[in-house]
Amino acid sequence: MNSKVLNKKMKHMFPEYSELMIELRQSNPHFAKILEQHDVLDKEITHLELNPVHAVNTDIESLKRKKLQYKDKLYTLLKQAAAEEQH
């Protein structure tokens, strides 16, 4: 994904951690992978919602739950990194 677009999305996801997200994306491969997986699901969900002929509602809901799990993981990693920076 285009870094500019991804950076904009990251700032909206967790505005209080926007700078830390950019830093972790570059320095933490695990964080970067989860962020990328979240973005892939986001695109897939958007595509299915815009083209409902090809989608089953349960499929979209399942993808949304998985996307939320990735978002929760990202938030956990951000909180841990922020706590480590304070020490």
PDB file of N, CA and C in Angstrom:
ATOM      1  N   MET A   1       0.840  -1.189   0.000  1.00  0.00           N
ATOM      2  CA  MET A   1       0.000   0.000   0.000  1.00  0.00           C
ATOM      3  C   MET A   1       0.875   1.238   0.000  1.00  0.00           C
ATOM      4  N   ASN A   2       0.382   2.248  -0.627  1.00  0.00           N
ATOM      5  CA  ASN A   2       1.042   3.546  -0.651  1.00  0.00           C
ATOM      6  C   ASN A   2       1.247   4.036   0.781  1.00  0.00           C
ATOM      7  N   SER A   3       2.474   4.414   1.114  1.00  0.00           N
ATOM      8  CA  SER A   3       2.799   4.844   2.478  1.00  0.00           C
ATOM      9  C   SER A   3       1.979   6.050   2.912  1.00  0.00           C
ATOM     10  N   LYS A   4       1.730   6.965   1.993  1.00  0.00           N
ATOM     11  CA  LYS A   4       0.955   8.160   2.330  1.00  0.00           C
ATOM     12  C   LYS A   4      -0.471   7.795   2.742  1.00  0.00           C
ATOM     13  N   VAL A   5      -1.086   6.901   1.969  1.00  0.00           N
ATOM     14  CA  VAL A   5      -2.459   6.471   2.259  1.00  0.00           C
ATOM     15  C   VAL A   5      -2.497   5.701   3.571  1.00  0.00           C
ATOM     16  N   LEU A   6      -1.542   4.801   3.761  1.00  0.00           N
ATOM     17  CA  LEU A   6      -1.501   4.017   4.989  1.00  0.00           C
ATOM     18  C   LEU A   6      -1.264   4.909   6.195  1.00  0.00           C
ATOM     19  N   ASN A   7      -0.370   5.870   6.077  1.00  0.00           N
ATOM     20  CA  ASN A   7      -0.123   6.798   7.185  1.00  0.00           C
ATOM     21  C   ASN A   7      -1.390   7.576   7.539  1.00  0.00           C
ATOM     22  N   LYS A   8      -2.154   7.969   6.537  1.00  0.00           N
ATOM     23  CA  LYS A   8      -3.402   8.699   6.788  1.00  0.00           C
ATOM     24  C   LYS A   8      -4.399   7.808   7.523  1.00  0.00           C
ATOM     25  N   LYS A   9      -4.514   6.549   7.097  1.00  0.00           N
ATOM     26  CA  LYS A   9      -5.419   5.608   7.759  1.00  0.00           C
ATOM     27  C   LYS A   9      -4.993   5.372   9.202  1.00  0.00           C
ATOM     28  N   MET A  10      -3.691   5.251   9.425  1.00  0.00           N
ATOM     29  CA  MET A  10      -3.180   4.995  10.771  1.00  0.00           C
ATOM     30  C   MET A  10      -3.513   6.151  11.700  1.00  0.00           C
ATOM     31  N   LYS A  11      -3.414   7.365  11.205  1.00  0.00           N
ATOM     32  CA  LYS A  11      -3.698   8.540  12.040  1.00  0.00           C
ATOM     33  C   LYS A  11      -5.156   8.576  12.475  1.00  0.00           C
ATOM     34  N   HIS A  12      -6.036   8.042  11.640  1.00  0.00           N
ATOM     35  CA  HIS A  12      -7.455   8.023  11.988  1.00  0.00           C
ATOM     36  C   HIS A  12      -7.803   6.850  12.899  1.00  0.00           C
ATOM     37  N   MET A  13      -7.064   5.761  12.792  1.00  0.00           N
ATOM     38  CA  MET A  13      -7.369   4.579  13.589  1.00  0.00           C
ATOM     39  C   MET A  13      -7.109   4.823  15.073  1.00  0.00           C
ATOM     40  N   PHE A  14      -5.934   5.308  15.387  1.00  0.00           N
ATOM     41  CA  PHE A  14      -5.548   5.609  16.767  1.00  0.00           C
ATOM     42  C   PHE A  14      -4.824   6.951  16.772  1.00  0.00           C
ATOM     43  N   PRO A  15      -5.558   8.061  16.734  1.00  0.00           N
ATOM     44  CA  PRO A  15      -4.913   9.373  16.613  1.00  0.00           C
ATOM     45  C   PRO A  15      -3.902   9.667  17.718  1.00  0.00           C
ATOM     46  N   GLU A  16      -4.151   9.152  18.907  1.00  0.00           N
ATOM     47  CA  GLU A  16      -3.235   9.415  20.022  1.00  0.00           C
ATOM     48  C   GLU A  16      -1.898   8.699  19.858  1.00  0.00           C
ATOM     49  N   TYR A  17      -1.862   7.711  18.957  1.00  0.00           N
ATOM     50  CA  TYR A  17      -0.637   6.942  18.730  1.00  0.00           C
ATOM     51  C   TYR A  17      -0.120   7.091  17.298  1.00  0.00           C
ATOM     52  N   SER A  18      -0.524   8.119  16.592  1.00  0.00           N
ATOM     53  CA  SER A  18      -0.186   8.211  15.169  1.00  0.00           C
ATOM     54  C   SER A  18       1.318   8.178  14.905  1.00  0.00           C
ATOM     55  N   GLU A  19       2.086   8.921  15.676  1.00  0.00           N
ATOM     56  CA  GLU A  19       3.542   8.926  15.474  1.00  0.00           C
ATOM     57  C   GLU A  19       4.155   7.576  15.842  1.00  0.00           C
ATOM     58  N   LEU A  20       3.686   6.992  16.923  1.00  0.00           N
ATOM     59  CA  LEU A  20       4.197   5.692  17.360  1.00  0.00           C
ATOM     60  C   LEU A  20       3.862   4.609  16.339  1.00  0.00           C
ATOM     61  N   MET A  21       2.694   4.701  15.722  1.00  0.00           N
ATOM     62  CA  MET A  21       2.318   3.722  14.699  1.00  0.00           C
ATOM     63  C   MET A  21       3.284   3.768  13.520  1.00  0.00           C
ATOM     64  N   ILE A  22       3.625   4.964  13.100  1.00  0.00           N
ATOM     65  CA  ILE A  22       4.560   5.111  11.983  1.00  0.00           C
ATOM     66  C   ILE A  22       5.918   4.517  12.359  1.00  0.00           C
ATOM     67  N   GLU A  23       6.349   4.798  13.572  1.00  0.00           N
ATOM     68  CA  GLU A  23       7.628   4.280  14.057  1.00  0.00           C
ATOM     69  C   GLU A  23       7.615   2.751  14.135  1.00  0.00           C
ATOM     70  N   LEU A  24       6.567   2.183  14.724  1.00  0.00           N
ATOM     71  CA  LEU A  24       6.484   0.727  14.869  1.00  0.00           C
ATOM     72  C   LEU A  24       6.350   0.027  13.521  1.00  0.00           C
ATOM     73  N   ARG A  25       5.657   0.659  12.610  1.00  0.00           N
ATOM     74  CA  ARG A  25       5.510   0.068  11.279  1.00  0.00           C
ATOM     75  C   ARG A  25       6.875  -0.134  10.622  1.00  0.00           C
ATOM     76  N   GLN A  26       7.790   0.775  10.903  1.00  0.00           N
ATOM     77  CA  GLN A  26       9.121   0.687  10.309  1.00  0.00           C
ATOM     78  C   GLN A  26      10.072  -0.192  11.117  1.00  0.00           C
ATOM     79  N   SER A  27       9.870  -0.249  12.436  1.00  0.00           N
ATOM     80  CA  SER A  27      10.851  -0.935  13.283  1.00  0.00           C
ATOM     81  C   SER A  27      10.409  -2.293  13.815  1.00  0.00           C
ATOM     82  N   ASN A  28       9.127  -2.612  13.715  1.00  0.00           N
ATOM     83  CA  ASN A  28       8.615  -3.846  14.300  1.00  0.00           C
ATOM     84  C   ASN A  28       7.911  -4.667  13.218  1.00  0.00           C
ATOM     85  N   PRO A  29       8.563  -5.724  12.721  1.00  0.00           N
ATOM     86  CA  PRO A  29       7.972  -6.527  11.645  1.00  0.00           C
ATOM     87  C   PRO A  29       6.620  -7.150  12.018  1.00  0.00           C
ATOM     88  N   HIS A  30       6.469  -7.556  13.279  1.00  0.00           N
ATOM     89  CA  HIS A  30       5.203  -8.148  13.726  1.00  0.00           C
ATOM     90  C   HIS A  30       4.072  -7.115  13.633  1.00  0.00           C
ATOM     91  N   PHE A  31       4.330  -5.917  14.108  1.00  0.00           N
ATOM     92  CA  PHE A  31       3.347  -4.830  14.033  1.00  0.00           C
ATOM     93  C   PHE A  31       3.011  -4.530  12.571  1.00  0.00           C
ATOM     94  N   ALA A  32       4.032  -4.430  11.735  1.00  0.00           N
ATOM     95  CA  ALA A  32       3.827  -4.120  10.316  1.00  0.00           C
ATOM     96  C   ALA A  32       2.976  -5.189   9.634  1.00  0.00           C
ATOM     97  N   LYS A  33       3.204  -6.457   9.985  1.00  0.00           N
ATOM     98  CA  LYS A  33       2.443  -7.557   9.387  1.00  0.00           C
ATOM     99  C   LYS A  33       0.973  -7.482   9.793  1.00  0.00           C
ATOM    100  N   ILE A  34       0.703  -7.240  11.064  1.00  0.00           N
ATOM    101  CA  ILE A  34      -0.679  -7.138  11.531  1.00  0.00           C
ATOM    102  C   ILE A  34      -1.367  -5.939  10.879  1.00  0.00           C
ATOM    103  N   LEU A  35      -0.654  -4.844  10.771  1.00  0.00           N
ATOM    104  CA  LEU A  35      -1.207  -3.645  10.132  1.00  0.00           C
ATOM    105  C   LEU A  35      -1.553  -3.933   8.674  1.00  0.00           C
ATOM    106  N   GLU A  36      -0.690  -4.643   7.994  1.00  0.00           N
ATOM    107  CA  GLU A  36      -0.936  -4.993   6.593  1.00  0.00           C
ATOM    108  C   GLU A  36      -2.141  -5.932   6.480  1.00  0.00           C
ATOM    109  N   GLN A  37      -2.244  -6.914   7.380  1.00  0.00           N
ATOM    110  CA  GLN A  37      -3.385  -7.834   7.359  1.00  0.00           C
ATOM    111  C   GLN A  37      -4.690  -7.072   7.609  1.00  0.00           C
ATOM    112  N   HIS A  38      -4.649  -6.119   8.516  1.00  0.00           N
ATOM    113  CA  HIS A  38      -5.821  -5.288   8.801  1.00  0.00           C
ATOM    114  C   HIS A  38      -6.219  -4.513   7.546  1.00  0.00           C
ATOM    115  N   ASP A  39      -5.240  -3.963   6.856  1.00  0.00           N
ATOM    116  CA  ASP A  39      -5.508  -3.187   5.649  1.00  0.00           C
ATOM    117  C   ASP A  39      -6.090  -4.067   4.542  1.00  0.00           C
ATOM    118  N   VAL A  40      -5.567  -5.281   4.388  1.00  0.00           N
ATOM    119  CA  VAL A  40      -6.080  -6.204   3.373  1.00  0.00           C
ATOM    120  C   VAL A  40      -7.554  -6.519   3.647  1.00  0.00           C
ATOM    121  N   LEU A  41      -7.871  -6.806   4.906  1.00  0.00           N
ATOM    122  CA  LEU A  41      -9.264  -7.082   5.262  1.00  0.00           C
ATOM    123  C   LEU A  41     -10.147  -5.860   5.029  1.00  0.00           C
ATOM    124  N   ASP A  42      -9.641  -4.694   5.358  1.00  0.00           N
ATOM    125  CA  ASP A  42     -10.397  -3.460   5.155  1.00  0.00           C
ATOM    126  C   ASP A  42     -10.772  -3.303   3.682  1.00  0.00           C
ATOM    127  N   LYS A  43      -9.815  -3.534   2.808  1.00  0.00           N
ATOM    128  CA  LYS A  43     -10.070  -3.431   1.369  1.00  0.00           C
ATOM    129  C   LYS A  43     -11.072  -4.486   0.914  1.00  0.00           C
ATOM    130  N   GLU A  44     -10.918  -5.711   1.421  1.00  0.00           N
ATOM    131  CA  GLU A  44     -11.816  -6.796   1.033  1.00  0.00           C
ATOM    132  C   GLU A  44     -13.253  -6.509   1.489  1.00  0.00           C
ATOM    133  N   ILE A  45     -13.401  -6.026   2.705  1.00  0.00           N
ATOM    134  CA  ILE A  45     -14.728  -5.684   3.232  1.00  0.00           C
ATOM    135  C   ILE A  45     -15.356  -4.573   2.399  1.00  0.00           C
ATOM    136  N   THR A  46     -14.581  -3.550   2.106  1.00  0.00           N
ATOM    137  CA  THR A  46     -15.091  -2.442   1.293  1.00  0.00           C
ATOM    138  C   THR A  46     -15.546  -2.941  -0.068  1.00  0.00           C
ATOM    139  N   HIS A  47     -14.744  -3.801  -0.676  1.00  0.00           N
ATOM    140  CA  HIS A  47     -15.095  -4.359  -1.985  1.00  0.00           C
ATOM    141  C   HIS A  47     -16.405  -5.148  -1.908  1.00  0.00           C
ATOM    142  N   LEU A  48     -16.542  -5.995  -0.890  1.00  0.00           N
ATOM    143  CA  LEU A  48     -17.755  -6.801  -0.743  1.00  0.00           C
ATOM    144  C   LEU A  48     -18.982  -5.936  -0.462  1.00  0.00           C
ATOM    145  N   GLU A  49     -18.798  -4.887   0.315  1.00  0.00           N
ATOM    146  CA  GLU A  49     -19.928  -4.003   0.617  1.00  0.00           C
ATOM    147  C   GLU A  49     -20.361  -3.195  -0.607  1.00  0.00           C
ATOM    148  N   LEU A  50     -19.410  -2.866  -1.460  1.00  0.00           N
ATOM    149  CA  LEU A  50     -19.736  -2.110  -2.671  1.00  0.00           C
ATOM    150  C   LEU A  50     -20.274  -3.001  -3.788  1.00  0.00           C
ATOM    151  N   ASN A  51     -20.019  -4.303  -3.678  1.00  0.00           N
ATOM    152  CA  ASN A  51     -20.467  -5.279  -4.673  1.00  0.00           C
ATOM    153  C   ASN A  51     -21.234  -6.392  -3.965  1.00  0.00           C
ATOM    154  N   PRO A  52     -22.392  -6.087  -3.408  1.00  0.00           N
ATOM    155  CA  PRO A  52     -23.099  -7.057  -2.566  1.00  0.00           C
ATOM    156  C   PRO A  52     -23.578  -8.305  -3.298  1.00  0.00           C
ATOM    157  N   VAL A  53     -23.606  -8.278  -4.614  1.00  0.00           N
ATOM    158  CA  VAL A  53     -24.026  -9.446  -5.372  1.00  0.00           C
ATOM    159  C   VAL A  53     -23.106 -10.630  -5.092  1.00  0.00           C
ATOM    160  N   HIS A  54     -21.832 -10.352  -4.861  1.00  0.00           N
ATOM    161  CA  HIS A  54     -20.842 -11.400  -4.659  1.00  0.00           C
ATOM    162  C   HIS A  54     -20.629 -11.744  -3.192  1.00  0.00           C
ATOM    163  N   ALA A  55     -21.368 -11.122  -2.309  1.00  0.00           N
ATOM    164  CA  ALA A  55     -21.100 -11.287  -0.883  1.00  0.00           C
ATOM    165  C   ALA A  55     -22.290 -11.889  -0.156  1.00  0.00           C
ATOM    166  N   VAL A  56     -21.951 -12.677   0.828  1.00  0.00           N
ATOM    167  CA  VAL A  56     -22.943 -13.186   1.763  1.00  0.00           C
ATOM    168  C   VAL A  56     -22.739 -12.386   3.042  1.00  0.00           C
ATOM    169  N   ASN A  57     -23.817 -11.924   3.642  1.00  0.00           N
ATOM    170  CA  ASN A  57     -23.718 -11.056   4.812  1.00  0.00           C
ATOM    171  C   ASN A  57     -22.882 -11.685   5.922  1.00  0.00           C
ATOM    172  N   THR A  58     -22.999 -13.003   6.109  1.00  0.00           N
ATOM    173  CA  THR A  58     -22.222 -13.658   7.167  1.00  0.00           C
ATOM    174  C   THR A  58     -20.734 -13.603   6.863  1.00  0.00           C
ATOM    175  N   ASP A  59     -20.379 -13.642   5.588  1.00  0.00           N
ATOM    176  CA  ASP A  59     -18.966 -13.528   5.209  1.00  0.00           C
ATOM    177  C   ASP A  59     -18.421 -12.157   5.589  1.00  0.00           C
ATOM    178  N   ILE A  60     -19.182 -11.128   5.306  1.00  0.00           N
ATOM    179  CA  ILE A  60     -18.747  -9.768   5.628  1.00  0.00           C
ATOM    180  C   ILE A  60     -18.620  -9.605   7.136  1.00  0.00           C
ATOM    181  N   GLU A  61     -19.587 -10.111   7.877  1.00  0.00           N
ATOM    182  CA  GLU A  61     -19.543  -9.996   9.338  1.00  0.00           C
ATOM    183  C   GLU A  61     -18.341 -10.741   9.908  1.00  0.00           C
ATOM    184  N   SER A  62     -18.043 -11.889   9.354  1.00  0.00           N
ATOM    185  CA  SER A  62     -16.881 -12.665   9.797  1.00  0.00           C
ATOM    186  C   SER A  62     -15.586 -11.900   9.539  1.00  0.00           C
ATOM    187  N   LEU A  63     -15.485 -11.290   8.369  1.00  0.00           N
ATOM    188  CA  LEU A  63     -14.300 -10.497   8.038  1.00  0.00           C
ATOM    189  C   LEU A  63     -14.178  -9.285   8.957  1.00  0.00           C
ATOM    190  N   LYS A  64     -15.305  -8.670   9.277  1.00  0.00           N
ATOM    191  CA  LYS A  64     -15.280  -7.513  10.177  1.00  0.00           C
ATOM    192  C   LYS A  64     -14.798  -7.912  11.570  1.00  0.00           C
ATOM    193  N   ARG A  65     -15.227  -9.089  12.038  1.00  0.00           N
ATOM    194  CA  ARG A  65     -14.757  -9.562  13.353  1.00  0.00           C
ATOM    195  C   ARG A  65     -13.253  -9.809  13.334  1.00  0.00           C
ATOM    196  N   LYS A  66     -12.774 -10.409  12.256  1.00  0.00           N
ATOM    197  CA  LYS A  66     -11.339 -10.675  12.137  1.00  0.00           C
ATOM    198  C   LYS A  66     -10.555  -9.357  12.071  1.00  0.00           C
ATOM    199  N   LYS A  67     -11.080  -8.390  11.341  1.00  0.00           N
ATOM    200  CA  LYS A  67     -10.439  -7.072  11.246  1.00  0.00           C
ATOM    201  C   LYS A  67     -10.373  -6.413  12.622  1.00  0.00           C
ATOM    202  N   LEU A  68     -11.441  -6.548  13.389  1.00  0.00           N
ATOM    203  CA  LEU A  68     -11.464  -5.992  14.738  1.00  0.00           C
ATOM    204  C   LEU A  68     -10.425  -6.675  15.632  1.00  0.00           C
ATOM    205  N   GLN A  69     -10.236  -7.975  15.451  1.00  0.00           N
ATOM    206  CA  GLN A  69      -9.200  -8.685  16.215  1.00  0.00           C
ATOM    207  C   GLN A  69      -7.822  -8.123  15.890  1.00  0.00           C
ATOM    208  N   TYR A  70      -7.566  -7.850  14.618  1.00  0.00           N
ATOM    209  CA  TYR A  70      -6.282  -7.251  14.237  1.00  0.00           C
ATOM    210  C   TYR A  70      -6.134  -5.866  14.857  1.00  0.00           C
ATOM    211  N   LYS A  71      -7.214  -5.099  14.844  1.00  0.00           N
ATOM    212  CA  LYS A  71      -7.164  -3.758  15.429  1.00  0.00           C
ATOM    213  C   LYS A  71      -6.871  -3.843  16.926  1.00  0.00           C
ATOM    214  N   ASP A  72      -7.481  -4.814  17.604  1.00  0.00           N
ATOM    215  CA  ASP A  72      -7.213  -5.012  19.034  1.00  0.00           C
ATOM    216  C   ASP A  72      -5.748  -5.367  19.280  1.00  0.00           C
ATOM    217  N   LYS A  73      -5.193  -6.219  18.411  1.00  0.00           N
ATOM    218  CA  LYS A  73      -3.774  -6.587  18.547  1.00  0.00           C
ATOM    219  C   LYS A  73      -2.878  -5.366  18.348  1.00  0.00           C
ATOM    220  N   LEU A  74      -3.211  -4.561  17.353  1.00  0.00           N
ATOM    221  CA  LEU A  74      -2.433  -3.343  17.105  1.00  0.00           C
ATOM    222  C   LEU A  74      -2.472  -2.428  18.320  1.00  0.00           C
ATOM    223  N   TYR A  75      -3.650  -2.272  18.898  1.00  0.00           N
ATOM    224  CA  TYR A  75      -3.802  -1.395  20.064  1.00  0.00           C
ATOM    225  C   TYR A  75      -2.988  -1.915  21.246  1.00  0.00           C
ATOM    226  N   THR A  76      -3.013  -3.220  21.450  1.00  0.00           N
ATOM    227  CA  THR A  76      -2.225  -3.822  22.534  1.00  0.00           C
ATOM    228  C   THR A  76      -0.742  -3.552  22.329  1.00  0.00           C
ATOM    229  N   LEU A  77      -0.264  -3.743  21.110  1.00  0.00           N
ATOM    230  CA  LEU A  77       1.150  -3.494  20.814  1.00  0.00           C
ATOM    231  C   LEU A  77       1.503  -2.022  20.998  1.00  0.00           C
ATOM    232  N   LEU A  78       0.601  -1.138  20.614  1.00  0.00           N
ATOM    233  CA  LEU A  78       0.838   0.298  20.788  1.00  0.00           C
ATOM    234  C   LEU A  78       0.922   0.673  22.264  1.00  0.00           C
ATOM    235  N   LYS A  79       0.008   0.141  23.063  1.00  0.00           N
ATOM    236  CA  LYS A  79       0.031   0.442  24.502  1.00  0.00           C
ATOM    237  C   LYS A  79       1.321  -0.074  25.136  1.00  0.00           C
ATOM    238  N   GLN A  80       1.754  -1.272  24.737  1.00  0.00           N
ATOM    239  CA  GLN A  80       2.999  -1.833  25.277  1.00  0.00           C
ATOM    240  C   GLN A  80       4.188  -0.966  24.890  1.00  0.00           C
ATOM    241  N   ALA A  81       4.244  -0.565  23.642  1.00  0.00           N
ATOM    242  CA  ALA A  81       5.363   0.258  23.170  1.00  0.00           C
ATOM    243  C   ALA A  81       5.362   1.619  23.861  1.00  0.00           C
ATOM    244  N   ALA A  82       4.193   2.200  24.057  1.00  0.00           N
ATOM    245  CA  ALA A  82       4.103   3.498  24.737  1.00  0.00           C
ATOM    246  C   ALA A  82       4.565   3.374  26.185  1.00  0.00           C
ATOM    247  N   ALA A  83       4.204   2.281  26.839  1.00  0.00           N
ATOM    248  CA  ALA A  83       4.623   2.061  28.227  1.00  0.00           C
ATOM    249  C   ALA A  83       6.136   1.880  28.312  1.00  0.00           C
ATOM    250  N   GLU A  84       6.713   1.174  27.333  1.00  0.00           N
ATOM    251  CA  GLU A  84       8.164   0.969  27.315  1.00  0.00           C
ATOM    252  C   GLU A  84       8.900   2.285  27.094  1.00  0.00           C
ATOM    253  N   GLU A  85       8.325   3.163  26.276  1.00  0.00           N
ATOM    254  CA  GLU A  85       8.959   4.466  26.030  1.00  0.00           C
ATOM    255  C   GLU A  85       8.982   5.328  27.287  1.00  0.00           C
ATOM    256  N   GLN A  86       8.003   5.148  28.157  1.00  0.00           N
ATOM    257  CA  GLN A  86       7.931   5.950  29.378  1.00  0.00           C
ATOM    258  C   GLN A  86       8.947   5.500  30.419  1.00  0.00           C
ATOM    259  N   HIS A  87       9.450   4.284  30.285  1.00  0.00           N
ATOM    260  CA  HIS A  87      10.425   3.779  31.267  1.00  0.00           C
ATOM    261  C   HIS A  87      11.833   4.022  30.840  1.00  0.00           C
TER     262      HIS A  87
END
